[in-house]
Amino acid sequence: MKLPPEIINELSAMLGELLASRLTVILVPQRIRTNEGGCVRVAIEKNAHWYREFVAAYSSSRRRRNLAFDTRIKRANTIRTLSVLIAGRPSQSQYAPHLIRIARRFAAENRPACGRRDAFTSSAWASEAFDKACPF
């Protein structure tokens, strides 16, 4: 299946977003001292919005003590699938249809791939994925 250029551009932008952003968490002391040395986790950088939604859609059934969901989605597999789709090769990944659906939704919104608010952080400006998505 040959994808249209606007979908490939969106997939390139999605790959750039995924490579540029990654969940980063730090520990900070609790405001209310409930125990000695108590800390809470605070996210200082988040994954791309579309990736957070994608991960949430495929939560695992594994029981956890906290309310955060685990996922069956693997970041490396998502990057590989996006790269295969951008290269125009057929993908047997079960992620492919969902990623194409997300790219079509972005393309239907008629926003340029490099103009999305959460598209890129400063570290992505020199990346190859950004150059593919925003050739100016």
Protein backbone atom coordinates (compact mmCIF):
# COMPACT_ATOMS: atom_id res chain seq x y z
CA MET A 1 0.00 0.00 0.00
CA LYS A 2 1.49 3.32 -1.10
CA LEU A 3 0.84 6.14 1.34
CA PRO A 4 0.11 9.68 0.11
CA PRO A 5 2.85 12.30 0.61
CA GLU A 6 0.87 14.24 3.23
CA ILE A 7 0.59 11.10 5.37
CA ILE A 8 4.31 10.40 4.99
CA ASN A 9 5.03 14.00 6.05
CA GLU A 10 2.88 13.54 9.14
CA LEU A 11 4.57 10.22 9.93
CA SER A 12 7.94 11.99 9.64
CA ALA A 13 6.75 14.69 12.02
CA MET A 14 5.49 12.04 14.44
CA LEU A 15 8.88 10.30 14.33
CA GLY A 16 10.59 13.63 15.00
CA GLU A 17 8.29 14.27 17.96
CA LEU A 18 8.94 10.84 19.37
CA LEU A 19 12.72 11.13 19.03
CA ALA A 20 12.77 14.68 20.42
CA SER A 21 10.65 14.09 23.50
CA ARG A 22 10.91 11.44 26.15
CA LEU A 23 9.36 11.09 29.56
CA THR A 24 11.83 12.37 32.14
CA VAL A 25 10.99 12.14 35.83
CA ILE A 26 12.85 13.52 38.84
CA LEU A 27 12.36 13.05 42.57
CA VAL A 28 11.59 16.11 44.68
CA PRO A 29 11.02 16.29 48.44
CA GLN A 30 7.41 16.08 49.59
CA ARG A 31 5.73 19.29 50.71
CA ILE A 32 4.13 17.55 53.65
CA ARG A 33 6.68 15.51 55.54
CA THR A 34 4.97 12.16 56.08
CA ASN A 35 8.17 10.16 56.40
CA GLU A 36 11.88 10.87 56.60
CA GLY A 37 13.38 11.51 53.16
CA GLY A 38 10.03 11.17 51.40
CA CYS A 39 9.99 12.22 47.76
CA VAL A 40 7.47 12.43 44.95
CA ARG A 41 8.06 11.94 41.24
CA VAL A 42 7.62 14.96 39.00
CA ALA A 43 7.67 14.85 35.20
CA ILE A 44 9.99 17.51 33.79
CA GLU A 45 9.53 16.41 30.18
CA LYS A 46 6.66 14.45 28.65
CA ASN A 47 6.23 12.25 25.61
CA ALA A 48 4.47 13.68 22.56
CA HIS A 49 0.72 14.06 23.06
CA TRP A 50 -0.18 11.65 20.25
CA TYR A 51 2.18 9.02 21.72
CA ARG A 52 0.63 9.35 25.18
CA GLU A 53 -2.81 8.73 23.65
CA PHE A 54 -1.47 5.80 21.62
CA VAL A 55 0.07 4.20 24.72
CA ALA A 56 -3.08 4.76 26.78
CA ALA A 57 -5.19 2.99 24.14
CA TYR A 58 -3.21 -0.24 24.59
CA SER A 59 -2.93 -0.64 28.33
CA SER A 60 -1.82 -3.90 29.85
CA SER A 61 -3.99 -6.01 32.12
CA ARG A 62 -1.17 -6.42 34.64
CA ARG A 63 -2.14 -5.38 38.17
CA ARG A 64 -0.26 -2.48 39.68
CA ARG A 65 -0.30 -0.89 43.09
CA ASN A 66 -0.69 2.60 41.65
CA LEU A 67 -3.23 3.90 39.16
CA ALA A 68 -0.75 4.52 36.34
CA PHE A 69 -1.32 2.27 33.36
CA ASP A 70 1.23 -0.08 31.94
CA THR A 71 1.24 -0.53 28.22
CA ARG A 72 1.82 -3.16 25.61
CA ILE A 73 3.33 -0.50 23.31
CA LYS A 74 7.12 -0.43 23.06
CA ARG A 75 8.85 2.80 22.08
CA ALA A 76 11.55 1.08 19.98
CA ASN A 77 8.92 -0.84 18.01
CA THR A 78 6.97 2.37 17.39
CA ILE A 79 10.11 4.10 16.08
CA ARG A 80 10.90 1.12 13.85
CA THR A 81 7.34 1.01 12.46
CA LEU A 82 7.33 4.75 11.75
CA SER A 83 10.69 4.44 9.96
CA VAL A 84 9.43 1.54 7.81
CA LEU A 85 6.25 3.43 6.88
CA ILE A 86 8.20 6.59 6.00
CA ALA A 87 10.56 4.56 3.79
CA GLY A 88 7.51 3.27 1.89
CA ARG A 89 8.10 -0.36 2.77
CA PRO A 90 5.21 -2.60 3.82
CA SER A 91 4.90 -3.07 7.56
CA GLN A 92 3.53 -6.16 9.25
CA SER A 93 3.49 -4.40 12.61
CA GLN A 94 0.20 -4.25 14.42
CA TYR A 95 1.06 -0.63 15.27
CA ALA A 96 0.98 0.45 11.60
CA PRO A 97 -2.80 0.87 11.12
CA HIS A 98 -3.14 2.90 14.31
CA LEU A 99 -0.14 5.12 13.46
CA ILE A 100 -1.50 5.73 9.95
CA ARG A 101 -4.87 6.65 11.48
CA ILE A 102 -3.18 9.21 13.75
CA ALA A 103 -1.25 10.65 10.78
CA ARG A 104 -4.47 10.92 8.75
CA ARG A 105 -6.14 12.75 11.61
CA PHE A 106 -3.25 15.24 11.74
CA ALA A 107 -3.30 15.66 7.95
CA ALA A 108 -7.07 16.24 8.00
CA GLU A 109 -6.60 19.08 10.46
CA ASN A 110 -4.67 20.89 7.69
CA ARG A 111 -1.89 21.92 10.01
CA PRO A 112 1.67 21.83 8.72
CA ALA A 113 3.65 19.00 10.25
CA CYS A 114 6.24 21.36 11.68
CA GLY A 115 3.65 23.82 12.99
CA ARG A 116 2.10 21.70 15.71
CA ARG A 117 2.47 23.19 19.12
CA ASP A 118 3.93 20.04 20.68
CA ALA A 119 5.81 19.01 17.56
CA PHE A 120 9.42 19.61 18.46
CA THR A 121 11.58 20.62 21.35
CA SER A 122 14.76 22.61 20.88
CA SER A 123 16.90 19.47 20.67
CA ALA A 124 15.07 18.42 17.50
CA TRP A 125 15.88 21.46 15.39
CA ALA A 126 19.04 19.83 14.05
CA SER A 127 17.57 16.37 13.70
CA GLU A 128 17.15 14.56 10.43
CA ALA A 129 13.47 13.91 11.12
CA PHE A 130 12.84 17.64 11.51
CA ASP A 131 14.58 18.34 8.20
CA LYS A 132 12.36 15.78 6.47
CA ALA A 133 9.20 17.19 8.04
CA CYS A 134 10.03 20.87 7.55
CA PRO A 135 12.15 21.40 4.43
CA PHE A 136 12.68 25.16 4.60
